[in-house]
Amino acid sequence: MSKHVPIELNLHQHSRVLEVSFDDGARFKLPCEYLRVFSPSAEVMGHGPGQEVLQIGKEDVNIAQITPVGNYAVVLHFDDEHNTGIYSWEYLYSLGANYEQNWQSYLKRLEEAGHQRKATN
């Protein structure tokens, strides 16, 4: 049983942000790019530690559809055809609570790999 349960999910497609409000009062605004590059799918996470695949070129990605998975998660269908990650409530909460640290780590990994994010609108 998840200890963090969302009470509201709002997708702002124009700004490409998913806003998630939880029952404990926490509210997170999660960019679609962030959600895509931290997808819990095997395609992104790999099948074990050290097998993560760095996602590049996802600056303009958006969420086309959100599908519930039981009472514990959602599948985010991205417009780049990625839709295999199951985002549990706990994982979404963790992404929100650790956004700044995760994002800075991602930017550092991009830089170390010789990639630079393109400017977005």
PDB file of N, CA and C in Angstrom:
ATOM      1  N   MET A   1       0.843  -1.189   0.000  1.00  0.00           N
ATOM      2  CA  MET A   1       0.000   0.000   0.000  1.00  0.00           C
ATOM      3  C   MET A   1       0.885   1.247   0.000  1.00  0.00           C
ATOM      4  N   SER A   2       0.608   2.136  -0.920  1.00  0.00           N
ATOM      5  CA  SER A   2       1.372   3.371  -1.040  1.00  0.00           C
ATOM      6  C   SER A   2       1.055   4.309   0.120  1.00  0.00           C
ATOM      7  N   LYS A   3       2.091   4.908   0.697  1.00  0.00           N
ATOM      8  CA  LYS A   3       1.824   5.855   1.773  1.00  0.00           C
ATOM      9  C   LYS A   3       1.586   7.267   1.246  1.00  0.00           C
ATOM     10  N   HIS A   4       1.920   7.512  -0.019  1.00  0.00           N
ATOM     11  CA  HIS A   4       1.646   8.796  -0.651  1.00  0.00           C
ATOM     12  C   HIS A   4       0.661   8.564  -1.780  1.00  0.00           C
ATOM     13  N   VAL A   5      -0.494   9.190  -1.681  1.00  0.00           N
ATOM     14  CA  VAL A   5      -1.536   9.002  -2.687  1.00  0.00           C
ATOM     15  C   VAL A   5      -1.865  10.356  -3.318  1.00  0.00           C
ATOM     16  N   PRO A   6      -1.806  10.425  -4.654  1.00  0.00           N
ATOM     17  CA  PRO A   6      -2.147  11.704  -5.289  1.00  0.00           C
ATOM     18  C   PRO A   6      -3.651  11.949  -5.227  1.00  0.00           C
ATOM     19  N   ILE A   7      -3.998  13.194  -5.009  1.00  0.00           N
ATOM     20  CA  ILE A   7      -5.411  13.560  -5.014  1.00  0.00           C
ATOM     21  C   ILE A   7      -5.768  14.307  -6.291  1.00  0.00           C
ATOM     22  N   GLU A   8      -4.737  14.723  -7.041  1.00  0.00           N
ATOM     23  CA  GLU A   8      -4.996  15.444  -8.288  1.00  0.00           C
ATOM     24  C   GLU A   8      -3.776  15.358  -9.203  1.00  0.00           C
ATOM     25  N   LEU A   9      -4.035  15.089 -10.473  1.00  0.00           N
ATOM     26  CA  LEU A   9      -3.014  15.137 -11.517  1.00  0.00           C
ATOM     27  C   LEU A   9      -3.528  16.075 -12.591  1.00  0.00           C
ATOM     28  N   ASN A  10      -2.754  17.090 -12.915  1.00  0.00           N
ATOM     29  CA  ASN A  10      -3.129  18.038 -13.966  1.00  0.00           C
ATOM     30  C   ASN A  10      -1.993  18.143 -14.962  1.00  0.00           C
ATOM     31  N   LEU A  11      -2.286  17.808 -16.203  1.00  0.00           N
ATOM     32  CA  LEU A  11      -1.303  17.932 -17.260  1.00  0.00           C
ATOM     33  C   LEU A  11      -1.492  19.275 -17.948  1.00  0.00           C
ATOM     34  N   HIS A  12      -0.439  20.068 -17.959  1.00  0.00           N
ATOM     35  CA  HIS A  12      -0.440  21.356 -18.643  1.00  0.00           C
ATOM     36  C   HIS A  12       0.369  21.159 -19.927  1.00  0.00           C
ATOM     37  N   GLN A  13      -0.308  20.780 -21.000  1.00  0.00           N
ATOM     38  CA  GLN A  13       0.394  20.413 -22.229  1.00  0.00           C
ATOM     39  C   GLN A  13       1.151  21.582 -22.849  1.00  0.00           C
ATOM     40  N   HIS A  14       0.606  22.785 -22.771  1.00  0.00           N
ATOM     41  CA  HIS A  14       1.290  23.926 -23.381  1.00  0.00           C
ATOM     42  C   HIS A  14       2.658  24.158 -22.737  1.00  0.00           C
ATOM     43  N   SER A  15       2.706  24.109 -21.412  1.00  0.00           N
ATOM     44  CA  SER A  15       3.977  24.318 -20.709  1.00  0.00           C
ATOM     45  C   SER A  15       4.725  23.008 -20.472  1.00  0.00           C
ATOM     46  N   ARG A  16       4.124  21.883 -20.874  1.00  0.00           N
ATOM     47  CA  ARG A  16       4.732  20.549 -20.735  1.00  0.00           C
ATOM     48  C   ARG A  16       5.125  20.255 -19.284  1.00  0.00           C
ATOM     49  N   VAL A  17       4.136  20.396 -18.400  1.00  0.00           N
ATOM     50  CA  VAL A  17       4.341  20.155 -16.973  1.00  0.00           C
ATOM     51  C   VAL A  17       3.185  19.318 -16.435  1.00  0.00           C
ATOM     52  N   LEU A  18       3.528  18.303 -15.641  1.00  0.00           N
ATOM     53  CA  LEU A  18       2.525  17.515 -14.932  1.00  0.00           C
ATOM     54  C   LEU A  18       2.536  17.973 -13.480  1.00  0.00           C
ATOM     55  N   GLU A  19       1.393  18.474 -13.035  1.00  0.00           N
ATOM     56  CA  GLU A  19       1.262  18.934 -11.652  1.00  0.00           C
ATOM     57  C   GLU A  19       0.572  17.836 -10.851  1.00  0.00           C
ATOM     58  N   VAL A  20       1.219  17.419  -9.768  1.00  0.00           N
ATOM     59  CA  VAL A  20       0.697  16.331  -8.948  1.00  0.00           C
ATOM     60  C   VAL A  20       0.555  16.826  -7.514  1.00  0.00           C
ATOM     61  N   SER A  21      -0.659  16.677  -6.973  1.00  0.00           N
ATOM     62  CA  SER A  21      -0.928  17.036  -5.577  1.00  0.00           C
ATOM     63  C   SER A  21      -1.192  15.759  -4.794  1.00  0.00           C
ATOM     64  N   PHE A  22      -0.555  15.645  -3.641  1.00  0.00           N
ATOM     65  CA  PHE A  22      -0.690  14.454  -2.807  1.00  0.00           C
ATOM     66  C   PHE A  22      -1.518  14.737  -1.559  1.00  0.00           C
ATOM     67  N   ASP A  23      -1.988  13.651  -0.956  1.00  0.00           N
ATOM     68  CA  ASP A  23      -2.874  13.752   0.200  1.00  0.00           C
ATOM     69  C   ASP A  23      -2.202  14.339   1.441  1.00  0.00           C
ATOM     70  N   ASP A  24      -0.871  14.412   1.458  1.00  0.00           N
ATOM     71  CA  ASP A  24      -0.175  15.005   2.610  1.00  0.00           C
ATOM     72  C   ASP A  24       0.074  16.494   2.406  1.00  0.00           C
ATOM     73  N   GLY A  25      -0.457  17.048   1.299  1.00  0.00           N
ATOM     74  CA  GLY A  25      -0.296  18.472   1.021  1.00  0.00           C
ATOM     75  C   GLY A  25       0.844  18.789   0.067  1.00  0.00           C
ATOM     76  N   ALA A  26       1.686  17.811  -0.241  1.00  0.00           N
ATOM     77  CA  ALA A  26       2.793  18.043  -1.172  1.00  0.00           C
ATOM     78  C   ALA A  26       2.234  18.278  -2.568  1.00  0.00           C
ATOM     79  N   ARG A  27       2.841  19.214  -3.264  1.00  0.00           N
ATOM     80  CA  ARG A  27       2.445  19.522  -4.643  1.00  0.00           C
ATOM     81  C   ARG A  27       3.726  19.705  -5.450  1.00  0.00           C
ATOM     82  N   PHE A  28       3.790  18.982  -6.571  1.00  0.00           N
ATOM     83  CA  PHE A  28       4.979  19.028  -7.403  1.00  0.00           C
ATOM     84  C   PHE A  28       4.597  19.388  -8.835  1.00  0.00           C
ATOM     85  N   LYS A  29       5.434  20.207  -9.460  1.00  0.00           N
ATOM     86  CA  LYS A  29       5.291  20.537 -10.878  1.00  0.00           C
ATOM     87  C   LYS A  29       6.469  19.878 -11.593  1.00  0.00           C
ATOM     88  N   LEU A  30       6.160  18.802 -12.313  1.00  0.00           N
ATOM     89  CA  LEU A  30       7.198  17.976 -12.915  1.00  0.00           C
ATOM     90  C   LEU A  30       7.209  18.144 -14.432  1.00  0.00           C
ATOM     91  N   PRO A  31       8.290  18.703 -14.987  1.00  0.00           N
ATOM     92  CA  PRO A  31       8.386  18.867 -16.433  1.00  0.00           C
ATOM     93  C   PRO A  31       8.328  17.510 -17.144  1.00  0.00           C
ATOM     94  N   CYS A  32       7.708  17.477 -18.302  1.00  0.00           N
ATOM     95  CA  CYS A  32       7.602  16.232 -19.068  1.00  0.00           C
ATOM     96  C   CYS A  32       8.979  15.681 -19.410  1.00  0.00           C
ATOM     97  N   GLU A  33       9.916  16.556 -19.750  1.00  0.00           N
ATOM     98  CA  GLU A  33      11.279  16.100 -20.051  1.00  0.00           C
ATOM     99  C   GLU A  33      11.860  15.347 -18.856  1.00  0.00           C
ATOM    100  N   TYR A  34      11.694  15.900 -17.680  1.00  0.00           N
ATOM    101  CA  TYR A  34      12.198  15.263 -16.447  1.00  0.00           C
ATOM    102  C   TYR A  34      11.554  13.892 -16.255  1.00  0.00           C
ATOM    103  N   LEU A  35      10.239  13.821 -16.409  1.00  0.00           N
ATOM    104  CA  LEU A  35       9.545  12.544 -16.256  1.00  0.00           C
ATOM    105  C   LEU A  35      10.007  11.533 -17.298  1.00  0.00           C
ATOM    106  N   ARG A  36      10.274  12.006 -18.507  1.00  0.00           N
ATOM    107  CA  ARG A  36      10.708  11.102 -19.579  1.00  0.00           C
ATOM    108  C   ARG A  36      12.109  10.569 -19.324  1.00  0.00           C
ATOM    109  N   VAL A  37      13.046  11.432 -18.928  1.00  0.00           N
ATOM    110  CA  VAL A  37      14.429  10.971 -18.752  1.00  0.00           C
ATOM    111  C   VAL A  37      14.601  10.155 -17.476  1.00  0.00           C
ATOM    112  N   PHE A  38      13.622  10.237 -16.558  1.00  0.00           N
ATOM    113  CA  PHE A  38      13.643   9.409 -15.350  1.00  0.00           C
ATOM    114  C   PHE A  38      12.544   8.352 -15.388  1.00  0.00           C
ATOM    115  N   SER A  39      12.143   7.948 -16.590  1.00  0.00           N
ATOM    116  CA  SER A  39      11.136   6.899 -16.720  1.00  0.00           C
ATOM    117  C   SER A  39      11.594   5.640 -15.981  1.00  0.00           C
ATOM    118  N   PRO A  40      10.678   4.994 -15.255  1.00  0.00           N
ATOM    119  CA  PRO A  40      11.040   3.771 -14.536  1.00  0.00           C
ATOM    120  C   PRO A  40      11.070   2.530 -15.437  1.00  0.00           C
ATOM    121  N   SER A  41      11.064   2.726 -16.745  1.00  0.00           N
ATOM    122  CA  SER A  41      11.060   1.604 -17.679  1.00  0.00           C
ATOM    123  C   SER A  41      12.430   0.941 -17.759  1.00  0.00           C
ATOM    124  N   ALA A  42      12.445  -0.310 -18.193  1.00  0.00           N
ATOM    125  CA  ALA A  42      13.707  -1.018 -18.405  1.00  0.00           C
ATOM    126  C   ALA A  42      14.515  -0.357 -19.515  1.00  0.00           C
ATOM    127  N   GLU A  43      13.828   0.257 -20.484  1.00  0.00           N
ATOM    128  CA  GLU A  43      14.502   0.958 -21.583  1.00  0.00           C
ATOM    129  C   GLU A  43      15.391   2.085 -21.056  1.00  0.00           C
ATOM    130  N   VAL A  44      14.980   2.719 -19.974  1.00  0.00           N
ATOM    131  CA  VAL A  44      15.733   3.829 -19.391  1.00  0.00           C
ATOM    132  C   VAL A  44      16.584   3.360 -18.209  1.00  0.00           C
ATOM    133  N   MET A  45      15.983   2.602 -17.299  1.00  0.00           N
ATOM    134  CA  MET A  45      16.659   2.170 -16.076  1.00  0.00           C
ATOM    135  C   MET A  45      17.568   0.955 -16.268  1.00  0.00           C
ATOM    136  N   GLY A  46      17.355   0.227 -17.356  1.00  0.00           N
ATOM    137  CA  GLY A  46      18.092  -1.016 -17.539  1.00  0.00           C
ATOM    138  C   GLY A  46      17.490  -2.098 -16.657  1.00  0.00           C
ATOM    139  N   HIS A  47      18.187  -3.207 -16.576  1.00  0.00           N
ATOM    140  CA  HIS A  47      17.680  -4.338 -15.786  1.00  0.00           C
ATOM    141  C   HIS A  47      18.447  -4.526 -14.487  1.00  0.00           C
ATOM    142  N   GLY A  48      19.275  -3.556 -14.148  1.00  0.00           N
ATOM    143  CA  GLY A  48      20.024  -3.637 -12.902  1.00  0.00           C
ATOM    144  C   GLY A  48      20.922  -2.429 -12.756  1.00  0.00           C
ATOM    145  N   PRO A  49      21.530  -2.283 -11.588  1.00  0.00           N
ATOM    146  CA  PRO A  49      22.416  -1.147 -11.335  1.00  0.00           C
ATOM    147  C   PRO A  49      23.521  -1.037 -12.386  1.00  0.00           C
ATOM    148  N   GLY A  50      23.771   0.187 -12.826  1.00  0.00           N
ATOM    149  CA  GLY A  50      24.813   0.426 -13.805  1.00  0.00           C
ATOM    150  C   GLY A  50      24.376   0.222 -15.244  1.00  0.00           C
ATOM    151  N   GLN A  51      23.142  -0.160 -15.466  1.00  0.00           N
ATOM    152  CA  GLN A  51      22.651  -0.397 -16.821  1.00  0.00           C
ATOM    153  C   GLN A  51      21.751   0.735 -17.321  1.00  0.00           C
ATOM    154  N   GLU A  52      21.707   1.853 -16.599  1.00  0.00           N
ATOM    155  CA  GLU A  52      20.869   2.973 -16.987  1.00  0.00           C
ATOM    156  C   GLU A  52      21.292   3.496 -18.355  1.00  0.00           C
ATOM    157  N   VAL A  53      20.330   3.952 -19.134  1.00  0.00           N
ATOM    158  CA  VAL A  53      20.599   4.497 -20.462  1.00  0.00           C
ATOM    159  C   VAL A  53      20.309   5.992 -20.434  1.00  0.00           C
ATOM    160  N   LEU A  54      21.343   6.797 -20.656  1.00  0.00           N
ATOM    161  CA  LEU A  54      21.198   8.245 -20.651  1.00  0.00           C
ATOM    162  C   LEU A  54      20.269   8.669 -21.781  1.00  0.00           C
ATOM    163  N   GLN A  55      19.251   9.423 -21.450  1.00  0.00           N
ATOM    164  CA  GLN A  55      18.274   9.899 -22.426  1.00  0.00           C
ATOM    165  C   GLN A  55      18.687  11.288 -22.891  1.00  0.00           C
ATOM    166  N   ILE A  56      18.792  11.451 -24.198  1.00  0.00           N
ATOM    167  CA  ILE A  56      19.173  12.756 -24.743  1.00  0.00           C
ATOM    168  C   ILE A  56      18.128  13.204 -25.761  1.00  0.00           C
ATOM    169  N   GLY A  57      18.063  14.510 -25.982  1.00  0.00           N
ATOM    170  CA  GLY A  57      17.162  15.059 -26.993  1.00  0.00           C
ATOM    171  C   GLY A  57      15.697  15.008 -26.605  1.00  0.00           C
ATOM    172  N   LYS A  58      15.393  15.082 -25.329  1.00  0.00           N
ATOM    173  CA  LYS A  58      13.998  14.981 -24.868  1.00  0.00           C
ATOM    174  C   LYS A  58      13.434  16.327 -24.414  1.00  0.00           C
ATOM    175  N   GLU A  59      14.093  17.433 -24.800  1.00  0.00           N
ATOM    176  CA  GLU A  59      13.683  18.760 -24.340  1.00  0.00           C
ATOM    177  C   GLU A  59      12.246  19.118 -24.706  1.00  0.00           C
ATOM    178  N   ASP A  60      11.788  18.677 -25.870  1.00  0.00           N
ATOM    179  CA  ASP A  60      10.456  19.064 -26.347  1.00  0.00           C
ATOM    180  C   ASP A  60       9.400  17.976 -26.159  1.00  0.00           C
ATOM    181  N   VAL A  61       9.738  16.916 -25.438  1.00  0.00           N
ATOM    182  CA  VAL A  61       8.786  15.822 -25.267  1.00  0.00           C
ATOM    183  C   VAL A  61       7.577  16.283 -24.446  1.00  0.00           C
ATOM    184  N   ASN A  62       6.430  15.711 -24.780  1.00  0.00           N
ATOM    185  CA  ASN A  62       5.205  16.028 -24.050  1.00  0.00           C
ATOM    186  C   ASN A  62       4.499  14.725 -23.707  1.00  0.00           C
ATOM    187  N   ILE A  63       3.546  14.807 -22.831  1.00  0.00           N
ATOM    188  CA  ILE A  63       2.721  13.656 -22.483  1.00  0.00           C
ATOM    189  C   ILE A  63       1.452  13.739 -23.317  1.00  0.00           C
ATOM    190  N   ALA A  64       1.175  12.679 -24.060  1.00  0.00           N
ATOM    191  CA  ALA A  64      -0.005  12.641 -24.919  1.00  0.00           C
ATOM    192  C   ALA A  64      -1.205  12.045 -24.191  1.00  0.00           C
ATOM    193  N   GLN A  65      -0.940  11.153 -23.247  1.00  0.00           N
ATOM    194  CA  GLN A  65      -2.028  10.454 -22.552  1.00  0.00           C
ATOM    195  C   GLN A  65      -1.521   9.922 -21.222  1.00  0.00           C
ATOM    196  N   ILE A  66      -2.433   9.823 -20.251  1.00  0.00           N
ATOM    197  CA  ILE A  66      -2.133   9.243 -18.945  1.00  0.00           C
ATOM    198  C   ILE A  66      -3.131   8.116 -18.715  1.00  0.00           C
ATOM    199  N   THR A  67      -2.617   6.923 -18.429  1.00  0.00           N
ATOM    200  CA  THR A  67      -3.478   5.766 -18.216  1.00  0.00           C
ATOM    201  C   THR A  67      -3.296   5.255 -16.793  1.00  0.00           C
ATOM    202  N   PRO A  68      -4.387   5.139 -16.024  1.00  0.00           N
ATOM    203  CA  PRO A  68      -4.278   4.589 -14.668  1.00  0.00           C
ATOM    204  C   PRO A  68      -3.869   3.114 -14.700  1.00  0.00           C
ATOM    205  N   VAL A  69      -3.129   2.708 -13.689  1.00  0.00           N
ATOM    206  CA  VAL A  69      -2.771   1.303 -13.487  1.00  0.00           C
ATOM    207  C   VAL A  69      -3.270   0.948 -12.090  1.00  0.00           C
ATOM    208  N   GLY A  70      -4.408   0.296 -12.025  1.00  0.00           N
ATOM    209  CA  GLY A  70      -4.995  -0.032 -10.727  1.00  0.00           C
ATOM    210  C   GLY A  70      -5.169   1.219  -9.887  1.00  0.00           C
ATOM    211  N   ASN A  71      -4.925   1.069  -8.593  1.00  0.00           N
ATOM    212  CA  ASN A  71      -5.008   2.199  -7.661  1.00  0.00           C
ATOM    213  C   ASN A  71      -3.633   2.635  -7.176  1.00  0.00           C
ATOM    214  N   TYR A  72      -2.590   2.261  -7.912  1.00  0.00           N
ATOM    215  CA  TYR A  72      -1.253   2.513  -7.393  1.00  0.00           C
ATOM    216  C   TYR A  72      -0.305   3.235  -8.351  1.00  0.00           C
ATOM    217  N   ALA A  73      -0.714   3.470  -9.599  1.00  0.00           N
ATOM    218  CA  ALA A  73       0.242   4.018 -10.561  1.00  0.00           C
ATOM    219  C   ALA A  73      -0.461   4.552 -11.805  1.00  0.00           C
ATOM    220  N   VAL A  74       0.349   5.148 -12.686  1.00  0.00           N
ATOM    221  CA  VAL A  74      -0.098   5.564 -14.012  1.00  0.00           C
ATOM    222  C   VAL A  74       0.988   5.220 -15.022  1.00  0.00           C
ATOM    223  N   VAL A  75       0.567   5.056 -16.263  1.00  0.00           N
ATOM    224  CA  VAL A  75       1.499   4.973 -17.384  1.00  0.00           C
ATOM    225  C   VAL A  75       1.398   6.306 -18.113  1.00  0.00           C
ATOM    226  N   LEU A  76       2.541   6.921 -18.335  1.00  0.00           N
ATOM    227  CA  LEU A  76       2.592   8.170 -19.084  1.00  0.00           C
ATOM    228  C   LEU A  76       2.959   7.827 -20.523  1.00  0.00           C
ATOM    229  N   HIS A  77       2.100   8.212 -21.452  1.00  0.00           N
ATOM    230  CA  HIS A  77       2.330   7.983 -22.873  1.00  0.00           C
ATOM    231  C   HIS A  77       2.929   9.265 -23.442  1.00  0.00           C
ATOM    232  N   PHE A  78       4.209   9.221 -23.762  1.00  0.00           N
ATOM    233  CA  PHE A  78       4.900  10.396 -24.276  1.00  0.00           C
ATOM    234  C   PHE A  78       4.746  10.478 -25.793  1.00  0.00           C
ATOM    235  N   ASP A  79       4.831  11.684 -26.319  1.00  0.00           N
ATOM    236  CA  ASP A  79       4.641  11.858 -27.753  1.00  0.00           C
ATOM    237  C   ASP A  79       5.838  11.398 -28.589  1.00  0.00           C
ATOM    238  N   ASP A  80       6.895  10.892 -27.937  1.00  0.00           N
ATOM    239  CA  ASP A  80       8.001  10.269 -28.675  1.00  0.00           C
ATOM    240  C   ASP A  80       7.822   8.751 -28.730  1.00  0.00           C
ATOM    241  N   GLU A  81       6.588   8.303 -28.432  1.00  0.00           N
ATOM    242  CA  GLU A  81       6.184   6.893 -28.490  1.00  0.00           C
ATOM    243  C   GLU A  81       6.626   6.070 -27.281  1.00  0.00           C
ATOM    244  N   HIS A  82       7.295   6.680 -26.307  1.00  0.00           N
ATOM    245  CA  HIS A  82       7.690   5.941 -25.104  1.00  0.00           C
ATOM    246  C   HIS A  82       6.476   5.815 -24.188  1.00  0.00           C
ATOM    247  N   ASN A  83       6.163   4.585 -23.772  1.00  0.00           N
ATOM    248  CA  ASN A  83       5.009   4.383 -22.884  1.00  0.00           C
ATOM    249  C   ASN A  83       5.136   3.113 -22.050  1.00  0.00           C
ATOM    250  N   THR A  84       6.360   2.719 -21.732  1.00  0.00           N
ATOM    251  CA  THR A  84       6.543   1.463 -21.009  1.00  0.00           C
ATOM    252  C   THR A  84       6.883   1.635 -19.537  1.00  0.00           C
ATOM    253  N   GLY A  85       6.949   2.864 -19.059  1.00  0.00           N
ATOM    254  CA  GLY A  85       7.248   3.084 -17.642  1.00  0.00           C
ATOM    255  C   GLY A  85       5.974   3.148 -16.819  1.00  0.00           C
ATOM    256  N   ILE A  86       5.953   2.417 -15.721  1.00  0.00           N
ATOM    257  CA  ILE A  86       4.817   2.477 -14.794  1.00  0.00           C
ATOM    258  C   ILE A  86       5.252   3.338 -13.607  1.00  0.00           C
ATOM    259  N   TYR A  87       4.633   4.507 -13.492  1.00  0.00           N
ATOM    260  CA  TYR A  87       4.969   5.485 -12.454  1.00  0.00           C
ATOM    261  C   TYR A  87       4.078   5.252 -11.243  1.00  0.00           C
ATOM    262  N   SER A  88       4.611   4.541 -10.253  1.00  0.00           N
ATOM    263  CA  SER A  88       3.845   4.321  -9.018  1.00  0.00           C
ATOM    264  C   SER A  88       3.707   5.652  -8.290  1.00  0.00           C
ATOM    265  N   TRP A  89       2.740   5.711  -7.377  1.00  0.00           N
ATOM    266  CA  TRP A  89       2.569   6.938  -6.591  1.00  0.00           C
ATOM    267  C   TRP A  89       3.848   7.249  -5.820  1.00  0.00           C
ATOM    268  N   GLU A  90       4.482   6.221  -5.255  1.00  0.00           N
ATOM    269  CA  GLU A  90       5.725   6.437  -4.499  1.00  0.00           C
ATOM    270  C   GLU A  90       6.829   6.989  -5.399  1.00  0.00           C
ATOM    271  N   TYR A  91       6.914   6.462  -6.623  1.00  0.00           N
ATOM    272  CA  TYR A  91       7.954   6.927  -7.536  1.00  0.00           C
ATOM    273  C   TYR A  91       7.695   8.377  -7.946  1.00  0.00           C
ATOM    274  N   LEU A  92       6.444   8.716  -8.250  1.00  0.00           N
ATOM    275  CA  LEU A  92       6.116  10.107  -8.587  1.00  0.00           C
ATOM    276  C   LEU A  92       6.441  11.043  -7.422  1.00  0.00           C
ATOM    277  N   TYR A  93       6.112  10.612  -6.216  1.00  0.00           N
ATOM    278  CA  TYR A  93       6.397  11.429  -5.032  1.00  0.00           C
ATOM    279  C   TYR A  93       7.910  11.617  -4.888  1.00  0.00           C
ATOM    280  N   SER A  94       8.649  10.530  -5.064  1.00  0.00           N
ATOM    281  CA  SER A  94      10.106  10.594  -4.971  1.00  0.00           C
ATOM    282  C   SER A  94      10.690  11.517  -6.040  1.00  0.00           C
ATOM    283  N   LEU A  95      10.164  11.438  -7.261  1.00  0.00           N
ATOM    284  CA  LEU A  95      10.634  12.334  -8.316  1.00  0.00           C
ATOM    285  C   LEU A  95      10.387  13.793  -7.947  1.00  0.00           C
ATOM    286  N   GLY A  96       9.230  14.069  -7.354  1.00  0.00           N
ATOM    287  CA  GLY A  96       8.922  15.430  -6.935  1.00  0.00           C
ATOM    288  C   GLY A  96       9.796  15.891  -5.782  1.00  0.00           C
ATOM    289  N   ALA A  97       9.916  15.053  -4.777  1.00  0.00           N
ATOM    290  CA  ALA A  97      10.672  15.421  -3.574  1.00  0.00           C
ATOM    291  C   ALA A  97      12.167  15.574  -3.861  1.00  0.00           C
ATOM    292  N   ASN A  98      12.665  14.875  -4.860  1.00  0.00           N
ATOM    293  CA  ASN A  98      14.104  14.882  -5.166  1.00  0.00           C
ATOM    294  C   ASN A  98      14.419  15.554  -6.499  1.00  0.00           C
ATOM    295  N   TYR A  99      13.499  16.387  -6.963  1.00  0.00           N
ATOM    296  CA  TYR A  99      13.629  16.996  -8.287  1.00  0.00           C
ATOM    297  C   TYR A  99      14.981  17.690  -8.479  1.00  0.00           C
ATOM    298  N   GLU A 100      15.319  18.606  -7.622  1.00  0.00           N
ATOM    299  CA  GLU A 100      16.521  19.419  -7.835  1.00  0.00           C
ATOM    300  C   GLU A 100      17.777  18.557  -7.895  1.00  0.00           C
ATOM    301  N   GLN A 101      17.917  17.631  -6.962  1.00  0.00           N
ATOM    302  CA  GLN A 101      19.080  16.742  -6.940  1.00  0.00           C
ATOM    303  C   GLN A 101      19.115  15.855  -8.188  1.00  0.00           C
ATOM    304  N   ASN A 102      17.981  15.270  -8.553  1.00  0.00           N
ATOM    305  CA  ASN A 102      17.910  14.409  -9.733  1.00  0.00           C
ATOM    306  C   ASN A 102      18.251  15.183 -11.001  1.00  0.00           C
ATOM    307  N   TRP A 103      17.670  16.383 -11.128  1.00  0.00           N
ATOM    308  CA  TRP A 103      17.870  17.170 -12.339  1.00  0.00           C
ATOM    309  C   TRP A 103      19.329  17.579 -12.484  1.00  0.00           C
ATOM    310  N   GLN A 104      19.939  18.033 -11.395  1.00  0.00           N
ATOM    311  CA  GLN A 104      21.351  18.425 -11.453  1.00  0.00           C
ATOM    312  C   GLN A 104      22.244  17.226 -11.809  1.00  0.00           C
ATOM    313  N   SER A 105      21.904  16.065 -11.281  1.00  0.00           N
ATOM    314  CA  SER A 105      22.643  14.843 -11.596  1.00  0.00           C
ATOM    315  C   SER A 105      22.503  14.509 -13.080  1.00  0.00           C
ATOM    316  N   TYR A 106      21.304  14.647 -13.618  1.00  0.00           N
ATOM    317  CA  TYR A 106      21.058  14.396 -15.037  1.00  0.00           C
ATOM    318  C   TYR A 106      21.872  15.358 -15.903  1.00  0.00           C
ATOM    319  N   LEU A 107      21.844  16.648 -15.572  1.00  0.00           N
ATOM    320  CA  LEU A 107      22.595  17.637 -16.340  1.00  0.00           C
ATOM    321  C   LEU A 107      24.089  17.333 -16.308  1.00  0.00           C
ATOM    322  N   LYS A 108      24.586  16.895 -15.178  1.00  0.00           N
ATOM    323  CA  LYS A 108      26.004  16.539 -15.050  1.00  0.00           C
ATOM    324  C   LYS A 108      26.328  15.332 -15.918  1.00  0.00           C
ATOM    325  N   ARG A 109      25.459  14.334 -15.921  1.00  0.00           N
ATOM    326  CA  ARG A 109      25.671  13.145 -16.747  1.00  0.00           C
ATOM    327  C   ARG A 109      25.661  13.510 -18.238  1.00  0.00           C
ATOM    328  N   LEU A 110      24.754  14.414 -18.632  1.00  0.00           N
ATOM    329  CA  LEU A 110      24.732  14.875 -20.022  1.00  0.00           C
ATOM    330  C   LEU A 110      26.063  15.528 -20.391  1.00  0.00           C
ATOM    331  N   GLU A 111      26.515  16.412 -19.521  1.00  0.00           N
ATOM    332  CA  GLU A 111      27.764  17.137 -19.766  1.00  0.00           C
ATOM    333  C   GLU A 111      28.932  16.165 -19.868  1.00  0.00           C
ATOM    334  N   GLU A 112      29.010  15.213 -18.955  1.00  0.00           N
ATOM    335  CA  GLU A 112      30.094  14.229 -18.962  1.00  0.00           C
ATOM    336  C   GLU A 112      30.075  13.382 -20.225  1.00  0.00           C
ATOM    337  N   ALA A 113      28.884  13.190 -20.799  1.00  0.00           N
ATOM    338  CA  ALA A 113      28.750  12.405 -22.030  1.00  0.00           C
ATOM    339  C   ALA A 113      28.961  13.263 -23.277  1.00  0.00           C
ATOM    340  N   GLY A 114      29.211  14.573 -23.079  1.00  0.00           N
ATOM    341  CA  GLY A 114      29.465  15.463 -24.202  1.00  0.00           C
ATOM    342  C   GLY A 114      28.221  15.988 -24.893  1.00  0.00           C
ATOM    343  N   HIS A 115      27.101  15.933 -24.219  1.00  0.00           N
ATOM    344  CA  HIS A 115      25.846  16.430 -24.790  1.00  0.00           C
ATOM    345  C   HIS A 115      25.447  17.732 -24.112  1.00  0.00           C
ATOM    346  N   GLN A 116      24.773  18.577 -24.880  1.00  0.00           N
ATOM    347  CA  GLN A 116      24.259  19.825 -24.346  1.00  0.00           C
ATOM    348  C   GLN A 116      22.784  19.917 -24.686  1.00  0.00           C
ATOM    349  N   ARG A 117      21.968  20.266 -23.700  1.00  0.00           N
ATOM    350  CA  ARG A 117      20.529  20.436 -23.953  1.00  0.00           C
ATOM    351  C   ARG A 117      20.316  21.623 -24.872  1.00  0.00           C
ATOM    352  N   LYS A 118      19.373  21.468 -25.787  1.00  0.00           N
ATOM    353  CA  LYS A 118      19.036  22.600 -26.652  1.00  0.00           C
ATOM    354  C   LYS A 118      18.068  23.514 -25.897  1.00  0.00           C
ATOM    355  N   ALA A 119      18.080  24.778 -26.269  1.00  0.00           N
ATOM    356  CA  ALA A 119      17.170  25.743 -25.653  1.00  0.00           C
ATOM    357  C   ALA A 119      15.736  25.383 -26.022  1.00  0.00           C
ATOM    358  N   THR A 120      14.840  25.532 -25.054  1.00  0.00           N
ATOM    359  CA  THR A 120      13.418  25.253 -25.303  1.00  0.00           C
ATOM    360  C   THR A 120      12.635  26.539 -25.205  1.00  0.00           C
ATOM    361  N   ASN A 121      11.433  26.508 -25.759  1.00  0.00           N
ATOM    362  CA  ASN A 121      10.566  27.700 -25.728  1.00  0.00           C
ATOM    363  C   ASN A 121      10.022  27.937 -24.358  1.00  0.00           C
TER     364      ASN A 121
END
